[in-house]
């Protein structure tokens, strides 16, 4: 199936979860937020939220600095 992650199309396996998508993009374990189709997904739901064909996923990582 095809999903768009951070603006880039990706071919991913059927049933891929939000948690798996995050692992694909970043090694960060904190400071990460995810939205699917413009809806924020709570961290506690990442493992059980499956992506569907044509979903738009945004993975945001907090950056420190000044």
N, C-alpha and C. Protein backbone atom coordinates (compact mmCIF):
# COMPACT_ATOMS: atom_id res chain seq x y z
N UNK A 1 0.84 -1.17 0.00
CA UNK A 1 0.00 0.00 0.00
C UNK A 1 0.89 1.24 0.00
N UNK A 2 0.34 2.34 -0.40
CA UNK A 2 1.09 3.59 -0.48
C UNK A 2 0.60 4.58 0.57
N UNK A 3 1.55 5.18 1.28
CA UNK A 3 1.25 6.26 2.22
C UNK A 3 2.24 7.38 1.95
N UNK A 4 1.89 8.57 2.39
CA UNK A 4 2.78 9.72 2.26
C UNK A 4 3.27 10.06 3.66
N UNK A 5 4.59 9.96 3.86
CA UNK A 5 5.18 10.26 5.16
C UNK A 5 6.07 11.48 5.01
N UNK A 6 5.72 12.54 5.74
CA UNK A 6 6.44 13.81 5.68
C UNK A 6 6.59 14.29 4.24
N UNK A 7 5.54 14.14 3.46
CA UNK A 7 5.51 14.65 2.09
C UNK A 7 6.12 13.75 1.04
N UNK A 8 6.64 12.60 1.43
CA UNK A 8 7.29 11.68 0.49
C UNK A 8 6.49 10.38 0.41
N UNK A 9 6.14 9.96 -0.82
CA UNK A 9 5.42 8.69 -0.95
C UNK A 9 6.29 7.50 -0.54
N UNK A 10 5.68 6.55 0.15
CA UNK A 10 6.37 5.33 0.57
C UNK A 10 5.47 4.14 0.29
N UNK A 11 6.05 3.07 -0.21
CA UNK A 11 5.37 1.78 -0.33
C UNK A 11 5.62 1.05 0.98
N UNK A 12 4.57 0.72 1.71
CA UNK A 12 4.71 0.07 3.01
C UNK A 12 3.84 -1.17 3.05
N UNK A 13 4.16 -2.11 3.93
CA UNK A 13 3.34 -3.33 4.03
C UNK A 13 1.95 -3.04 4.59
N UNK A 14 0.99 -3.82 4.15
CA UNK A 14 -0.37 -3.72 4.66
C UNK A 14 -0.34 -3.91 6.17
N UNK A 15 -1.08 -3.08 6.91
CA UNK A 15 -1.16 -3.22 8.35
C UNK A 15 -0.05 -2.54 9.13
N UNK A 16 0.82 -1.79 8.44
CA UNK A 16 1.88 -1.07 9.14
C UNK A 16 1.26 -0.13 10.18
N UNK A 17 1.86 -0.09 11.37
CA UNK A 17 1.34 0.77 12.43
C UNK A 17 2.07 2.11 12.44
N UNK A 18 1.49 3.05 13.16
CA UNK A 18 2.14 4.35 13.34
C UNK A 18 3.51 4.15 13.99
N UNK A 19 3.61 3.27 14.97
CA UNK A 19 4.88 3.02 15.64
C UNK A 19 5.94 2.55 14.64
N UNK A 20 5.58 1.68 13.73
CA UNK A 20 6.52 1.19 12.73
C UNK A 20 6.94 2.30 11.77
N UNK A 21 6.02 3.18 11.42
CA UNK A 21 6.35 4.31 10.55
C UNK A 21 7.34 5.24 11.23
N UNK A 22 7.14 5.49 12.52
CA UNK A 22 8.05 6.35 13.27
C UNK A 22 9.44 5.73 13.31
N UNK A 23 9.53 4.42 13.57
CA UNK A 23 10.82 3.73 13.62
C UNK A 23 11.53 3.81 12.27
N UNK A 24 10.77 3.83 11.20
CA UNK A 24 11.35 3.90 9.86
C UNK A 24 12.04 5.25 9.63
N UNK A 25 11.55 6.30 10.30
CA UNK A 25 12.06 7.65 10.05
C UNK A 25 13.06 8.17 11.06
N UNK A 26 12.94 7.76 12.31
CA UNK A 26 13.80 8.35 13.33
C UNK A 26 14.14 7.34 14.41
N UNK A 27 15.30 7.50 14.99
CA UNK A 27 15.71 6.68 16.12
C UNK A 27 15.34 7.33 17.44
N UNK A 28 14.82 8.57 17.37
CA UNK A 28 14.45 9.31 18.59
C UNK A 28 13.34 8.56 19.33
N UNK A 29 13.46 8.54 20.66
CA UNK A 29 12.44 7.89 21.47
C UNK A 29 11.60 8.89 22.25
N UNK A 30 12.05 10.14 22.29
CA UNK A 30 11.29 11.20 22.96
C UNK A 30 11.22 12.40 22.03
N UNK A 31 10.31 13.29 22.32
CA UNK A 31 10.19 14.50 21.53
C UNK A 31 9.64 14.27 20.13
N UNK A 32 8.84 13.22 19.97
CA UNK A 32 8.28 12.89 18.65
C UNK A 32 6.76 13.00 18.73
N UNK A 33 6.17 13.65 17.72
CA UNK A 33 4.72 13.74 17.60
C UNK A 33 4.31 13.24 16.23
N UNK A 34 3.11 12.66 16.15
CA UNK A 34 2.64 12.09 14.88
C UNK A 34 1.21 12.53 14.63
N UNK A 35 0.94 12.88 13.37
CA UNK A 35 -0.43 13.15 12.93
C UNK A 35 -0.69 12.27 11.70
N UNK A 36 -1.87 11.70 11.64
CA UNK A 36 -2.31 10.93 10.48
C UNK A 36 -3.54 11.62 9.92
N UNK A 37 -3.44 12.03 8.66
CA UNK A 37 -4.55 12.76 8.01
C UNK A 37 -4.99 13.95 8.85
N UNK A 38 -4.00 14.70 9.35
CA UNK A 38 -4.20 15.94 10.11
C UNK A 38 -4.80 15.73 11.50
N UNK A 39 -4.80 14.50 12.00
CA UNK A 39 -5.29 14.20 13.35
C UNK A 39 -4.12 13.67 14.18
N UNK A 40 -3.84 14.32 15.32
CA UNK A 40 -2.76 13.87 16.19
C UNK A 40 -3.08 12.49 16.74
N UNK A 41 -2.08 11.62 16.74
CA UNK A 41 -2.22 10.27 17.30
C UNK A 41 -1.46 10.23 18.62
N UNK A 42 -2.17 9.94 19.70
CA UNK A 42 -1.52 9.86 21.01
C UNK A 42 -0.46 8.75 21.01
N UNK A 43 0.64 8.99 21.69
CA UNK A 43 1.73 8.02 21.75
C UNK A 43 1.24 6.64 22.21
N UNK A 44 0.32 6.60 23.13
CA UNK A 44 -0.21 5.34 23.63
C UNK A 44 -0.97 4.54 22.58
N UNK A 45 -1.35 5.20 21.49
CA UNK A 45 -2.11 4.52 20.43
C UNK A 45 -1.24 4.16 19.22
N UNK A 46 0.02 4.51 19.23
CA UNK A 46 0.88 4.26 18.07
C UNK A 46 0.93 2.78 17.69
N UNK A 47 1.06 1.90 18.69
CA UNK A 47 1.21 0.46 18.42
C UNK A 47 -0.05 -0.17 17.84
N UNK A 48 -1.20 0.42 18.12
CA UNK A 48 -2.46 -0.17 17.69
C UNK A 48 -3.14 0.58 16.55
N UNK A 49 -2.54 1.68 16.11
CA UNK A 49 -3.12 2.46 15.02
C UNK A 49 -2.48 2.02 13.70
N UNK A 50 -3.26 1.30 12.90
CA UNK A 50 -2.77 0.82 11.61
C UNK A 50 -2.99 1.90 10.55
N UNK A 51 -2.04 2.00 9.65
CA UNK A 51 -2.17 2.94 8.53
C UNK A 51 -2.98 2.29 7.42
N UNK A 52 -3.64 3.13 6.63
CA UNK A 52 -4.43 2.66 5.49
C UNK A 52 -3.85 3.26 4.21
N UNK A 53 -4.18 2.64 3.09
CA UNK A 53 -3.72 3.13 1.81
C UNK A 53 -4.09 4.60 1.65
N UNK A 54 -3.13 5.39 1.16
CA UNK A 54 -3.30 6.83 0.89
C UNK A 54 -3.29 7.71 2.13
N UNK A 55 -2.99 7.15 3.31
CA UNK A 55 -2.89 7.99 4.51
C UNK A 55 -1.74 8.99 4.35
N UNK A 56 -1.91 10.15 4.97
CA UNK A 56 -0.87 11.17 5.03
C UNK A 56 -0.37 11.22 6.47
N UNK A 57 0.91 10.92 6.66
CA UNK A 57 1.51 10.83 7.99
C UNK A 57 2.56 11.93 8.13
N UNK A 58 2.49 12.67 9.23
CA UNK A 58 3.51 13.66 9.55
C UNK A 58 4.17 13.24 10.86
N UNK A 59 5.50 13.06 10.80
CA UNK A 59 6.27 12.72 11.99
C UNK A 59 7.14 13.93 12.30
N UNK A 60 6.93 14.52 13.46
CA UNK A 60 7.66 15.71 13.86
C UNK A 60 8.56 15.39 15.04
N UNK A 61 9.80 15.84 14.97
CA UNK A 61 10.76 15.62 16.04
C UNK A 61 11.18 16.96 16.60
N UNK A 62 11.10 17.11 17.92
CA UNK A 62 11.51 18.34 18.59
C UNK A 62 13.01 18.52 18.44
N UNK A 63 13.43 19.76 18.22
CA UNK A 63 14.84 20.09 18.07
C UNK A 63 15.20 21.15 19.10
N UNK A 64 16.32 20.92 19.79
CA UNK A 64 16.78 21.88 20.79
C UNK A 64 17.81 22.79 20.17
N UNK A 65 17.87 23.97 20.66
CA UNK A 65 18.89 24.89 20.16
C UNK A 65 18.44 26.33 20.31
N UNK A 66 19.27 27.21 19.84
CA UNK A 66 18.90 28.60 20.02
C UNK A 66 19.59 29.46 19.12
